[in-house]
PDB file of N, CA and C in Angstrom:
ATOM      1  N   MET A   1     103.734 115.745  64.094  1.00  0.00           N
ATOM      2  CA  MET A   1     103.122 116.196  65.450  1.00  0.00           C
ATOM      3  C   MET A   1     104.141 115.698  66.578  1.00  0.00           C
ATOM      4  N   THR A   2     104.529 116.793  67.313  1.00  0.00           N
ATOM      5  CA  THR A   2     105.287 116.447  68.454  1.00  0.00           C
ATOM      6  C   THR A   2     104.718 116.032  69.802  1.00  0.00           C
ATOM      7  N   VAL A   3     105.202 115.037  70.248  1.00  0.00           N
ATOM      8  CA  VAL A   3     104.467 114.365  71.448  1.00  0.00           C
ATOM      9  C   VAL A   3     105.398 114.648  72.640  1.00  0.00           C
ATOM     10  N   ALA A   4     104.765 115.222  73.803  1.00  0.00           N
ATOM     11  CA  ALA A   4     105.707 115.381  74.932  1.00  0.00           C
ATOM     12  C   ALA A   4     106.178 114.045  75.506  1.00  0.00           C
ATOM     13  N   SER A   5     107.317 114.270  76.179  1.00  0.00           N
ATOM     14  CA  SER A   5     107.954 113.326  76.890  1.00  0.00           C
ATOM     15  C   SER A   5     107.747 113.375  78.416  1.00  0.00           C
ATOM     16  N   TYR A   6     107.498 112.064  78.914  1.00  0.00           N
ATOM     17  CA  TYR A   6     107.209 112.112  80.466  1.00  0.00           C
ATOM     18  C   TYR A   6     108.150 111.023  81.119  1.00  0.00           C
ATOM     19  N   SER A   7     108.336 111.463  82.285  1.00  0.00           N
ATOM     20  CA  SER A   7     109.037 110.428  83.097  1.00  0.00           C
ATOM     21  C   SER A   7     108.106 110.103  84.336  1.00  0.00           C
ATOM     22  N   LEU A   8     108.418 108.871  84.804  1.00  0.00           N
ATOM     23  CA  LEU A   8     107.379 108.338  85.771  1.00  0.00           C
ATOM     24  C   LEU A   8     107.601 109.101  87.159  1.00  0.00           C
ATOM     25  N   ASN A   9     106.415 109.495  87.740  1.00  0.00           N
ATOM     26  CA  ASN A   9     106.614 110.218  88.942  1.00  0.00           C
ATOM     27  C   ASN A   9     106.379 109.011  89.962  1.00  0.00           C
ATOM     28  N   LYS A  10     107.497 108.630  90.600  1.00  0.00           N
ATOM     29  CA  LYS A  10     107.536 107.520  91.629  1.00  0.00           C
ATOM     30  C   LYS A  10     106.885 107.856  92.805  1.00  0.00           C
ATOM     31  N   ALA A  11     106.911 109.117  93.361  1.00  0.00           N
ATOM     32  CA  ALA A  11     106.224 109.622  94.439  1.00  0.00           C
ATOM     33  C   ALA A  11     104.683 109.417  94.295  1.00  0.00           C
ATOM     34  N   ALA A  12     104.144 109.671  92.965  1.00  0.00           N
ATOM     35  CA  ALA A  12     102.614 109.286  92.718  1.00  0.00           C
ATOM     36  C   ALA A  12     102.392 108.108  92.761  1.00  0.00           C
ATOM     37  N   VAL A  13     103.211 107.249  92.265  1.00  0.00           N
ATOM     38  CA  VAL A  13     102.913 105.685  92.263  1.00  0.00           C
ATOM     39  C   VAL A  13     102.889 105.352  93.728  1.00  0.00           C
ATOM     40  N   ALA A  14     103.720 105.772  94.565  1.00  0.00           N
ATOM     41  CA  ALA A  14     103.724 105.356  96.017  1.00  0.00           C
ATOM     42  C   ALA A  14     102.401 106.005  96.680  1.00  0.00           C
ATOM     43  N   HIS A  15     101.988 107.181  96.436  1.00  0.00           N
ATOM     44  CA  HIS A  15     100.853 107.653  96.790  1.00  0.00           C
ATOM     45  C   HIS A  15      99.503 106.826  96.406  1.00  0.00           C
ATOM     46  N   ALA A  16      99.518 106.542  95.263  1.00  0.00           N
ATOM     47  CA  ALA A  16      98.453 105.753  94.747  1.00  0.00           C
ATOM     48  C   ALA A  16      98.385 104.412  95.503  1.00  0.00           C
ATOM     49  N   ARG A  17      99.421 103.759  95.560  1.00  0.00           N
ATOM     50  CA  ARG A  17      99.553 102.488  96.461  1.00  0.00           C
ATOM     51  C   ARG A  17      99.035 102.534  97.887  1.00  0.00           C
ATOM     52  N   ARG A  18      99.415 103.678  98.482  1.00  0.00           N
ATOM     53  CA  ARG A  18      98.907 103.908  99.766  1.00  0.00           C
ATOM     54  C   ARG A  18      97.415 104.146  99.678  1.00  0.00           C
ATOM     55  N   LEU A  19      96.937 104.899  98.814  1.00  0.00           N
ATOM     56  CA  LEU A  19      95.526 105.116  98.745  1.00  0.00           C
ATOM     57  C   LEU A  19      94.691 103.870  98.555  1.00  0.00           C
ATOM     58  N   ILE A  20      95.249 102.884  97.685  1.00  0.00           N
ATOM     59  CA  ILE A  20      94.637 101.680  97.354  1.00  0.00           C
ATOM     60  C   ILE A  20      94.703 100.789  98.743  1.00  0.00           C
ATOM     61  N   ASN A  21      95.771 100.830  99.328  1.00  0.00           N
ATOM     62  CA  ASN A  21      95.974  99.947 100.590  1.00  0.00           C
ATOM     63  C   ASN A  21      95.033 100.498 101.619  1.00  0.00           C
ATOM     64  N   ALA A  22      94.722 101.670 101.785  1.00  0.00           N
ATOM     65  CA  ALA A  22      93.852 102.308 102.752  1.00  0.00           C
ATOM     66  C   ALA A  22      92.458 102.217 102.195  1.00  0.00           C
ATOM     67  N   HIS A  23      92.117 101.567 101.258  1.00  0.00           N
ATOM     68  CA  HIS A  23      90.711 101.464 100.723  1.00  0.00           C
ATOM     69  C   HIS A  23      90.198 103.082 100.366  1.00  0.00           C
ATOM     70  N   GLN A  24      90.856 103.852  99.799  1.00  0.00           N
ATOM     71  CA  GLN A  24      90.431 105.238  99.490  1.00  0.00           C
ATOM     72  C   GLN A  24      90.326 105.130  98.077  1.00  0.00           C
ATOM     73  N   TYR A  25      89.329 104.322  97.348  1.00  0.00           N
ATOM     74  CA  TYR A  25      89.047 104.485  96.020  1.00  0.00           C
ATOM     75  C   TYR A  25      87.615 104.346  95.514  1.00  0.00           C
ATOM     76  N   VAL A  26      87.437 104.676  94.290  1.00  0.00           N
ATOM     77  CA  VAL A  26      86.207 104.485  93.792  1.00  0.00           C
ATOM     78  C   VAL A  26      86.138 103.657  92.622  1.00  0.00           C
ATOM     79  N   LEU A  27      85.407 102.498  92.666  1.00  0.00           N
ATOM     80  CA  LEU A  27      85.462 101.420  91.670  1.00  0.00           C
ATOM     81  C   LEU A  27      84.715 101.742  90.384  1.00  0.00           C
ATOM     82  N   ASP A  28      83.604 102.335  90.483  1.00  0.00           N
ATOM     83  CA  ASP A  28      82.732 102.669  89.361  1.00  0.00           C
ATOM     84  C   ASP A  28      82.308 104.114  89.224  1.00  0.00           C
ATOM     85  N   SER A  29      83.084 104.929  88.398  1.00  0.00           N
ATOM     86  CA  SER A  29      82.706 106.324  88.015  1.00  0.00           C
ATOM     87  C   SER A  29      82.956 106.477  86.690  1.00  0.00           C
ATOM     88  N   ASP A  30      82.454 107.760  86.108  1.00  0.00           N
ATOM     89  CA  ASP A  30      82.532 108.076  84.801  1.00  0.00           C
ATOM     90  C   ASP A  30      83.744 109.006  84.776  1.00  0.00           C
ATOM     91  N   TRP A  31      84.974 108.665  84.309  1.00  0.00           N
ATOM     92  CA  TRP A  31      86.036 109.515  84.437  1.00  0.00           C
ATOM     93  C   TRP A  31      85.898 110.853  83.797  1.00  0.00           C
ATOM     94  N   GLY A  32      85.195 110.902  82.682  1.00  0.00           N
ATOM     95  CA  GLY A  32      84.886 112.035  82.042  1.00  0.00           C
ATOM     96  C   GLY A  32      84.054 113.036  82.774  1.00  0.00           C
ATOM     97  N   GLU A  33      83.298 112.558  83.802  1.00  0.00           N
ATOM     98  CA  GLU A  33      82.503 113.311  84.704  1.00  0.00           C
ATOM     99  C   GLU A  33      83.244 113.763  85.837  1.00  0.00           C
ATOM    100  N   VAL A  34      84.229 112.966  86.454  1.00  0.00           N
ATOM    101  CA  VAL A  34      84.729 113.061  87.831  1.00  0.00           C
ATOM    102  C   VAL A  34      86.167 113.679  87.717  1.00  0.00           C
ATOM    103  N   GLN A  35      86.839 113.502  86.571  1.00  0.00           N
ATOM    104  CA  GLN A  35      88.202 113.993  86.489  1.00  0.00           C
ATOM    105  C   GLN A  35      88.444 115.360  86.755  1.00  0.00           C
ATOM    106  N   PRO A  36      89.444 115.799  87.578  1.00  0.00           N
ATOM    107  CA  PRO A  36      89.522 117.160  87.975  1.00  0.00           C
ATOM    108  C   PRO A  36      89.543 118.187  86.794  1.00  0.00           C
ATOM    109  N   ARG A  37      88.958 119.209  86.907  1.00  0.00           N
ATOM    110  CA  ARG A  37      88.904 120.211  85.919  1.00  0.00           C
ATOM    111  C   ARG A  37      89.885 121.294  86.276  1.00  0.00           C
ATOM    112  N   ALA A  38      90.091 122.293  85.539  1.00  0.00           N
ATOM    113  CA  ALA A  38      91.024 123.504  85.801  1.00  0.00           C
ATOM    114  C   ALA A  38      90.513 124.173  87.230  1.00  0.00           C
ATOM    115  N   ASP A  39      89.362 124.294  87.423  1.00  0.00           N
ATOM    116  CA  ASP A  39      88.803 125.057  88.598  1.00  0.00           C
ATOM    117  C   ASP A  39      89.132 124.105  89.866  1.00  0.00           C
ATOM    118  N   ASP A  40      88.942 122.807  89.690  1.00  0.00           N
ATOM    119  CA  ASP A  40      89.167 121.944  90.711  1.00  0.00           C
ATOM    120  C   ASP A  40      90.721 121.832  90.944  1.00  0.00           C
ATOM    121  N   GLN A  41      91.631 121.876  90.092  1.00  0.00           N
ATOM    122  CA  GLN A  41      93.006 121.931  90.440  1.00  0.00           C
ATOM    123  C   GLN A  41      93.331 123.278  91.005  1.00  0.00           C
ATOM    124  N   ASN A  42      92.886 124.448  90.544  1.00  0.00           N
ATOM    125  CA  ASN A  42      93.151 125.563  91.248  1.00  0.00           C
ATOM    126  C   ASN A  42      92.524 125.679  92.769  1.00  0.00           C
ATOM    127  N   GLU A  43      91.566 125.132  92.903  1.00  0.00           N
ATOM    128  CA  GLU A  43      90.965 125.049  94.441  1.00  0.00           C
ATOM    129  C   GLU A  43      91.891 124.209  95.176  1.00  0.00           C
ATOM    130  N   TYR A  44      92.276 122.995  94.646  1.00  0.00           N
ATOM    131  CA  TYR A  44      93.235 122.217  95.423  1.00  0.00           C
ATOM    132  C   TYR A  44      94.546 122.912  95.751  1.00  0.00           C
ATOM    133  N   LEU A  45      95.112 123.462  94.733  1.00  0.00           N
ATOM    134  CA  LEU A  45      96.351 124.238  94.869  1.00  0.00           C
ATOM    135  C   LEU A  45      96.316 125.320  95.799  1.00  0.00           C
ATOM    136  N   ASP A  46      95.131 126.013  96.182  1.00  0.00           N
ATOM    137  CA  ASP A  46      94.986 127.001  96.940  1.00  0.00           C
ATOM    138  C   ASP A  46      95.167 126.571  98.321  1.00  0.00           C
ATOM    139  N   SER A  47      94.966 125.320  98.677  1.00  0.00           N
ATOM    140  CA  SER A  47      95.064 124.966 100.100  1.00  0.00           C
ATOM    141  C   SER A  47      96.085 123.710 100.263  1.00  0.00           C
ATOM    142  N   HIS A  48      96.875 123.346  99.154  1.00  0.00           N
ATOM    143  CA  HIS A  48      97.722 122.223  99.195  1.00  0.00           C
ATOM    144  C   HIS A  48      99.142 122.589  98.394  1.00  0.00           C
ATOM    145  N   SER A  49     100.078 121.936  98.737  1.00  0.00           N
ATOM    146  CA  SER A  49     101.463 122.200  98.186  1.00  0.00           C
ATOM    147  C   SER A  49     101.513 121.556  96.808  1.00  0.00           C
ATOM    148  N   TRP A  50     102.576 122.053  96.135  1.00  0.00           N
ATOM    149  CA  TRP A  50     102.848 121.415  94.759  1.00  0.00           C
ATOM    150  C   TRP A  50     103.175 119.969  94.839  1.00  0.00           C
ATOM    151  N   ASP A  51     103.777 119.592  95.926  1.00  0.00           N
ATOM    152  CA  ASP A  51     104.290 118.326  96.067  1.00  0.00           C
ATOM    153  C   ASP A  51     102.908 117.464  96.378  1.00  0.00           C
ATOM    154  N   GLU A  52     101.966 117.921  97.043  1.00  0.00           N
ATOM    155  CA  GLU A  52     100.736 117.227  97.278  1.00  0.00           C
ATOM    156  C   GLU A  52      99.946 117.076  95.929  1.00  0.00           C
ATOM    157  N   TYR A  53      99.965 118.129  95.158  1.00  0.00           N
ATOM    158  CA  TYR A  53      99.406 118.225  93.821  1.00  0.00           C
ATOM    159  C   TYR A  53     100.173 117.144  92.842  1.00  0.00           C
ATOM    160  N   SER A  54     101.407 117.050  92.842  1.00  0.00           N
ATOM    161  CA  SER A  54     102.065 116.274  92.052  1.00  0.00           C
ATOM    162  C   SER A  54     101.804 114.843  92.325  1.00  0.00           C
ATOM    163  N   ALA A  55     101.587 114.583  93.577  1.00  0.00           N
ATOM    164  CA  ALA A  55     101.325 113.189  94.105  1.00  0.00           C
ATOM    165  C   ALA A  55     100.072 112.595  93.430  1.00  0.00           C
ATOM    166  N   TRP A  56      99.230 113.278  92.665  1.00  0.00           N
ATOM    167  CA  TRP A  56      97.959 112.838  91.900  1.00  0.00           C
ATOM    168  C   TRP A  56      98.291 112.566  90.560  1.00  0.00           C
ATOM    169  N   HIS A  57      99.556 112.700  90.184  1.00  0.00           N
ATOM    170  CA  HIS A  57      99.919 112.623  88.695  1.00  0.00           C
ATOM    171  C   HIS A  57     101.084 111.640  88.365  1.00  0.00           C
ATOM    172  N   LEU A  58     100.688 110.629  87.635  1.00  0.00           N
ATOM    173  CA  LEU A  58     101.864 109.571  87.420  1.00  0.00           C
ATOM    174  C   LEU A  58     102.913 110.026  86.415  1.00  0.00           C
ATOM    175  N   GLY A  59     102.706 111.253  85.623  1.00  0.00           N
ATOM    176  CA  GLY A  59     103.810 111.563  84.759  1.00  0.00           C
ATOM    177  C   GLY A  59     104.333 113.008  85.007  1.00  0.00           C
ATOM    178  N   LEU A  60     105.538 113.100  84.827  1.00  0.00           N
ATOM    179  CA  LEU A  60     106.166 114.370  84.839  1.00  0.00           C
ATOM    180  C   LEU A  60     106.623 114.831  83.520  1.00  0.00           C
ATOM    181  N   THR A  61     106.162 115.936  83.076  1.00  0.00           N
ATOM    182  CA  THR A  61     106.385 116.384  81.756  1.00  0.00           C
ATOM    183  C   THR A  61     107.851 116.820  81.672  1.00  0.00           C
ATOM    184  N   GLU A  62     108.581 116.286  80.754  1.00  0.00           N
ATOM    185  CA  GLU A  62     110.034 116.532  80.482  1.00  0.00           C
ATOM    186  C   GLU A  62     110.164 117.987  80.031  1.00  0.00           C
ATOM    187  N   GLY A  63     111.056 118.762  80.574  1.00  0.00           N
ATOM    188  CA  GLY A  63     111.260 120.229  80.066  1.00  0.00           C
ATOM    189  C   GLY A  63     110.320 121.218  80.748  1.00  0.00           C
ATOM    190  N   ALA A  64     109.142 120.956  81.318  1.00  0.00           N
ATOM    191  CA  ALA A  64     108.310 121.608  82.021  1.00  0.00           C
ATOM    192  C   ALA A  64     108.678 122.143  83.359  1.00  0.00           C
ATOM    193  N   THR A  65     108.581 123.528  83.768  1.00  0.00           N
ATOM    194  CA  THR A  65     109.066 123.940  85.027  1.00  0.00           C
ATOM    195  C   THR A  65     108.309 123.358  86.138  1.00  0.00           C
ATOM    196  N   ASP A  66     108.949 122.843  87.246  1.00  0.00           N
ATOM    197  CA  ASP A  66     108.450 122.463  88.381  1.00  0.00           C
ATOM    198  C   ASP A  66     107.382 123.717  88.894  1.00  0.00           C
ATOM    199  N   GLU A  67     106.446 123.181  89.655  1.00  0.00           N
ATOM    200  CA  GLU A  67     105.390 123.929  90.262  1.00  0.00           C
ATOM    201  C   GLU A  67     104.614 124.819  89.328  1.00  0.00           C
ATOM    202  N   THR A  68     104.390 124.096  88.029  1.00  0.00           N
ATOM    203  CA  THR A  68     103.309 124.594  87.069  1.00  0.00           C
ATOM    204  C   THR A  68     102.535 123.461  86.713  1.00  0.00           C
ATOM    205  N   LYS A  69     101.411 123.825  86.320  1.00  0.00           N
ATOM    206  CA  LYS A  69     100.392 122.626  86.062  1.00  0.00           C
ATOM    207  C   LYS A  69     100.932 121.848  84.701  1.00  0.00           C
ATOM    208  N   ALA A  70     101.552 122.515  83.932  1.00  0.00           N
ATOM    209  CA  ALA A  70     102.048 121.872  82.797  1.00  0.00           C
ATOM    210  C   ALA A  70     103.183 120.777  83.075  1.00  0.00           C
ATOM    211  N   ARG A  71     103.672 120.712  84.206  1.00  0.00           N
ATOM    212  CA  ARG A  71     104.778 119.770  84.594  1.00  0.00           C
ATOM    213  C   ARG A  71     104.187 118.461  84.951  1.00  0.00           C
ATOM    214  N   TYR A  72     102.721 118.412  85.393  1.00  0.00           N
ATOM    215  CA  TYR A  72     102.226 117.198  85.958  1.00  0.00           C
ATOM    216  C   TYR A  72     101.201 116.653  84.908  1.00  0.00           C
ATOM    217  N   ALA A  73     101.284 115.295  84.656  1.00  0.00           N
ATOM    218  CA  ALA A  73     100.235 114.690  83.698  1.00  0.00           C
ATOM    219  C   ALA A  73      99.812 113.334  84.240  1.00  0.00           C
ATOM    220  N   PHE A  74      98.875 112.946  83.738  1.00  0.00           N
ATOM    221  CA  PHE A  74      98.068 111.480  83.882  1.00  0.00           C
ATOM    222  C   PHE A  74      97.613 111.515  85.317  1.00  0.00           C
ATOM    223  N   VAL A  75      96.750 112.410  85.605  1.00  0.00           N
ATOM    224  CA  VAL A  75      96.053 112.414  86.882  1.00  0.00           C
ATOM    225  C   VAL A  75      95.274 111.293  87.034  1.00  0.00           C
ATOM    226  N   TYR A  76      95.082 110.604  88.231  1.00  0.00           N
ATOM    227  CA  TYR A  76      94.407 109.291  88.325  1.00  0.00           C
ATOM    228  C   TYR A  76      93.277 109.337  89.540  1.00  0.00           C
ATOM    229  N   GLY A  77      93.045 110.432  90.066  1.00  0.00           N
ATOM    230  CA  GLY A  77      92.222 110.567  91.069  1.00  0.00           C
ATOM    231  C   GLY A  77      91.408 112.000  91.153  1.00  0.00           C
ATOM    232  N   ASP A  78      90.507 112.247  92.023  1.00  0.00           N
ATOM    233  CA  ASP A  78      89.803 113.445  92.211  1.00  0.00           C
ATOM    234  C   ASP A  78      90.360 114.362  93.391  1.00  0.00           C
ATOM    235  N   PHE A  79      91.593 113.999  93.790  1.00  0.00           N
ATOM    236  CA  PHE A  79      92.262 114.797  94.979  1.00  0.00           C
ATOM    237  C   PHE A  79      91.659 114.373  96.331  1.00  0.00           C
ATOM    238  N   HIS A  80      90.868 113.436  96.272  1.00  0.00           N
ATOM    239  CA  HIS A  80      90.507 112.748  97.613  1.00  0.00           C
ATOM    240  C   HIS A  80      90.650 111.228  97.540  1.00  0.00           C
ATOM    241  N   ARG A  81      90.372 110.560  96.463  1.00  0.00           N
ATOM    242  CA  ARG A  81      90.386 109.188  96.332  1.00  0.00           C
ATOM    243  C   ARG A  81      90.893 108.890  94.883  1.00  0.00           C
ATOM    244  N   ILE A  82      91.332 107.654  94.702  1.00  0.00           N
ATOM    245  CA  ILE A  82      91.877 107.098  93.435  1.00  0.00           C
ATOM    246  C   ILE A  82      90.666 106.594  92.835  1.00  0.00           C
ATOM    247  N   HIS A  83      90.544 106.805  91.370  1.00  0.00           N
ATOM    248  CA  HIS A  83      89.340 106.200  90.654  1.00  0.00           C
ATOM    249  C   HIS A  83      89.995 105.192  89.812  1.00  0.00           C
ATOM    250  N   ARG A  84      89.185 103.962  89.693  1.00  0.00           N
ATOM    251  CA  ARG A  84      89.543 102.727  88.898  1.00  0.00           C
ATOM    252  C   ARG A  84      89.536 103.390  87.413  1.00  0.00           C
ATOM    253  N   SER A  85      88.424 104.245  87.159  1.00  0.00           N
ATOM    254  CA  SER A  85      88.271 104.734  85.735  1.00  0.00           C
ATOM    255  C   SER A  85      89.506 105.713  85.410  1.00  0.00           C
ATOM    256  N   GLY A  86      89.993 106.322  86.414  1.00  0.00           N
ATOM    257  CA  GLY A  86      91.186 107.162  86.166  1.00  0.00           C
ATOM    258  C   GLY A  86      92.442 106.434  85.695  1.00  0.00           C
ATOM    259  N   LEU A  87      92.773 105.281  86.585  1.00  0.00           N
ATOM    260  CA  LEU A  87      93.729 104.381  86.143  1.00  0.00           C
ATOM    261  C   LEU A  87      93.596 103.931  84.713  1.00  0.00           C
ATOM    262  N   ILE A  88      92.438 103.476  84.487  1.00  0.00           N
ATOM    263  CA  ILE A  88      92.157 103.010  83.009  1.00  0.00           C
ATOM    264  C   ILE A  88      92.504 103.972  81.992  1.00  0.00           C
ATOM    265  N   ALA A  89      92.134 105.255  82.318  1.00  0.00           N
ATOM    266  CA  ALA A  89      92.393 106.268  81.259  1.00  0.00           C
ATOM    267  C   ALA A  89      93.885 106.570  81.237  1.00  0.00           C
ATOM    268  N   CYS A  90      94.543 106.428  82.379  1.00  0.00           N
ATOM    269  CA  CYS A  90      96.121 106.766  82.342  1.00  0.00           C
ATOM    270  C   CYS A  90      96.626 105.445  81.483  1.00  0.00           C
ATOM    271  N   VAL A  91      96.305 104.242  81.724  1.00  0.00           N
ATOM    272  CA  VAL A  91      96.884 103.168  80.806  1.00  0.00           C
ATOM    273  C   VAL A  91      96.541 103.429  79.512  1.00  0.00           C
ATOM    274  N   TYR A  92      95.268 103.656  79.044  1.00  0.00           N
ATOM    275  CA  TYR A  92      95.042 103.990  77.739  1.00  0.00           C
ATOM    276  C   TYR A  92      95.669 105.071  77.159  1.00  0.00           C
ATOM    277  N   ARG A  93      95.837 106.309  77.743  1.00  0.00           N
ATOM    278  CA  ARG A  93      96.525 107.401  77.063  1.00  0.00           C
ATOM    279  C   ARG A  93      98.033 107.235  76.963  1.00  0.00           C
ATOM    280  N   ALA A  94      98.602 106.551  77.981  1.00  0.00           N
ATOM    281  CA  ALA A  94      99.945 106.341  78.080  1.00  0.00           C
ATOM    282  C   ALA A  94     100.339 105.284  76.890  1.00  0.00           C
ATOM    283  N   SER A  95      99.485 104.319  76.810  1.00  0.00           N
ATOM    284  CA  SER A  95      99.671 103.386  75.738  1.00  0.00           C
ATOM    285  C   SER A  95      99.492 103.889  74.442  1.00  0.00           C
ATOM    286  N   GLU A  96      98.568 104.753  74.300  1.00  0.00           N
ATOM    287  CA  GLU A  96      98.273 105.416  73.009  1.00  0.00           C
ATOM    288  C   GLU A  96      99.425 106.157  72.476  1.00  0.00           C
ATOM    289  N   TRP A  97     100.045 107.014  73.383  1.00  0.00           N
ATOM    290  CA  TRP A  97     101.266 107.680  72.998  1.00  0.00           C
ATOM    291  C   TRP A  97     102.499 107.014  73.337  1.00  0.00           C
ATOM    292  N   ARG A  98     102.653 105.830  73.601  1.00  0.00           N
ATOM    293  CA  ARG A  98     103.845 105.030  73.905  1.00  0.00           C
ATOM    294  C   ARG A  98     104.634 105.706  75.076  1.00  0.00           C
ATOM    295  N   HIS A  99     104.106 105.944  75.968  1.00  0.00           N
ATOM    296  CA  HIS A  99     104.711 106.412  77.328  1.00  0.00           C
ATOM    297  C   HIS A  99     104.874 105.205  78.142  1.00  0.00           C
ATOM    298  N   LYS A 100     105.690 104.390  77.935  1.00  0.00           N
ATOM    299  CA  LYS A 100     105.711 102.987  78.403  1.00  0.00           C
ATOM    300  C   LYS A 100     105.973 103.027  80.063  1.00  0.00           C
ATOM    301  N   ASP A 101     106.612 103.682  80.503  1.00  0.00           N
ATOM    302  CA  ASP A 101     106.820 103.769  81.999  1.00  0.00           C
ATOM    303  C   ASP A 101     105.590 104.145  82.740  1.00  0.00           C
ATOM    304  N   VAL A 102     104.890 105.109  82.345  1.00  0.00           N
ATOM    305  CA  VAL A 102     103.639 105.569  82.760  1.00  0.00           C
ATOM    306  C   VAL A 102     102.485 104.439  82.556  1.00  0.00           C
ATOM    307  N   GLU A 103     102.507 103.878  81.345  1.00  0.00           N
ATOM    308  CA  GLU A 103     101.518 102.893  81.047  1.00  0.00           C
ATOM    309  C   GLU A 103     101.559 101.600  82.037  1.00  0.00           C
ATOM    310  N   LEU A 104     102.837 101.238  82.063  1.00  0.00           N
ATOM    311  CA  LEU A 104     103.091  99.864  82.914  1.00  0.00           C
ATOM    312  C   LEU A 104     102.821 100.200  84.382  1.00  0.00           C
ATOM    313  N   ALA A 105     103.156 101.359  84.979  1.00  0.00           N
ATOM    314  CA  ALA A 105     102.770 101.807  86.350  1.00  0.00           C
ATOM    315  C   ALA A 105     101.420 101.774  86.581  1.00  0.00           C
ATOM    316  N   ALA A 106     100.686 102.387  85.732  1.00  0.00           N
ATOM    317  CA  ALA A 106      99.228 102.532  85.681  1.00  0.00           C
ATOM    318  C   ALA A 106      98.539 101.209  85.760  1.00  0.00           C
ATOM    319  N   HIS A 107      99.188 100.380  84.892  1.00  0.00           N
ATOM    320  CA  HIS A 107      98.651  98.962  84.594  1.00  0.00           C
ATOM    321  C   HIS A 107      98.805  98.127  86.091  1.00  0.00           C
ATOM    322  N   ARG A 108      99.950  98.324  86.609  1.00  0.00           N
ATOM    323  CA  ARG A 108     100.238  97.672  87.960  1.00  0.00           C
ATOM    324  C   ARG A 108      99.304  98.131  88.945  1.00  0.00           C
ATOM    325  N   LEU A 109      99.221  99.491  89.041  1.00  0.00           N
ATOM    326  CA  LEU A 109      98.284  99.851  89.885  1.00  0.00           C
ATOM    327  C   LEU A 109      96.890  99.456  89.865  1.00  0.00           C
ATOM    328  N   LEU A 110      96.303  99.353  88.577  1.00  0.00           N
ATOM    329  CA  LEU A 110      95.160  98.860  88.400  1.00  0.00           C
ATOM    330  C   LEU A 110      95.050  97.494  88.692  1.00  0.00           C
ATOM    331  N   GLN A 111      96.009  96.654  88.607  1.00  0.00           N
ATOM    332  CA  GLN A 111      95.948  95.263  88.973  1.00  0.00           C
ATOM    333  C   GLN A 111      95.919  95.222  90.495  1.00  0.00           C
ATOM    334  N   HIS A 112      96.601  95.914  91.132  1.00  0.00           N
ATOM    335  CA  HIS A 112      96.601  96.117  92.849  1.00  0.00           C
ATOM    336  C   HIS A 112      95.305  96.457  93.246  1.00  0.00           C
ATOM    337  N   LEU A 113      94.788  97.320  92.462  1.00  0.00           N
ATOM    338  CA  LEU A 113      93.410  97.941  93.092  1.00  0.00           C
ATOM    339  C   LEU A 113      92.340  96.695  92.841  1.00  0.00           C
ATOM    340  N   ASP A 114      92.446  96.098  91.665  1.00  0.00           N
ATOM    341  CA  ASP A 114      91.522  95.047  91.436  1.00  0.00           C
ATOM    342  C   ASP A 114      91.780  93.863  92.453  1.00  0.00           C
ATOM    343  N   LYS A 115      92.983  93.513  92.722  1.00  0.00           N
ATOM    344  CA  LYS A 115      93.183  92.561  93.657  1.00  0.00           C
ATOM    345  C   LYS A 115      92.720  92.894  95.113  1.00  0.00           C
ATOM    346  N   THR A 116      93.116  94.194  95.526  1.00  0.00           N
ATOM    347  CA  THR A 116      92.773  94.605  96.904  1.00  0.00           C
ATOM    348  C   THR A 116      91.125  94.890  96.988  1.00  0.00           C
ATOM    349  N   SER A 117      90.573  95.165  96.028  1.00  0.00           N
ATOM    350  CA  SER A 117      89.134  95.411  96.103  1.00  0.00           C
ATOM    351  C   SER A 117      88.367  94.063  95.934  1.00  0.00           C
ATOM    352  N   GLY A 118      88.942  93.026  95.501  1.00  0.00           N
ATOM    353  CA  GLY A 118      88.441  91.772  95.377  1.00  0.00           C
ATOM    354  C   GLY A 118      87.221  91.630  94.443  1.00  0.00           C
TER     355      GLY A 118
END
């Protein structure tokens, strides 16, 4: 089985840090229920730029065309706030498939969130 390769989206890491520092987070949510679905993504893209969409994804799919949903991976929030459960999902998925840069970035963000939220 071929696994996609990802590079770390540094702009998304910076965006996530800004959200945490501004206390724009949800500490207790069921990621399976709140993660953005295709309709949510389309609705967001109707009124936001691809750069804004990209800022919600820690991974950039290698070889995928910019300004396509396939380019962006490892979403960590609901397009309004960062979700602790979303970061945990990113750590888990990146770890499972050995995407070390994304895994470590998500882990550092999770630690920053936990420290900030006290």
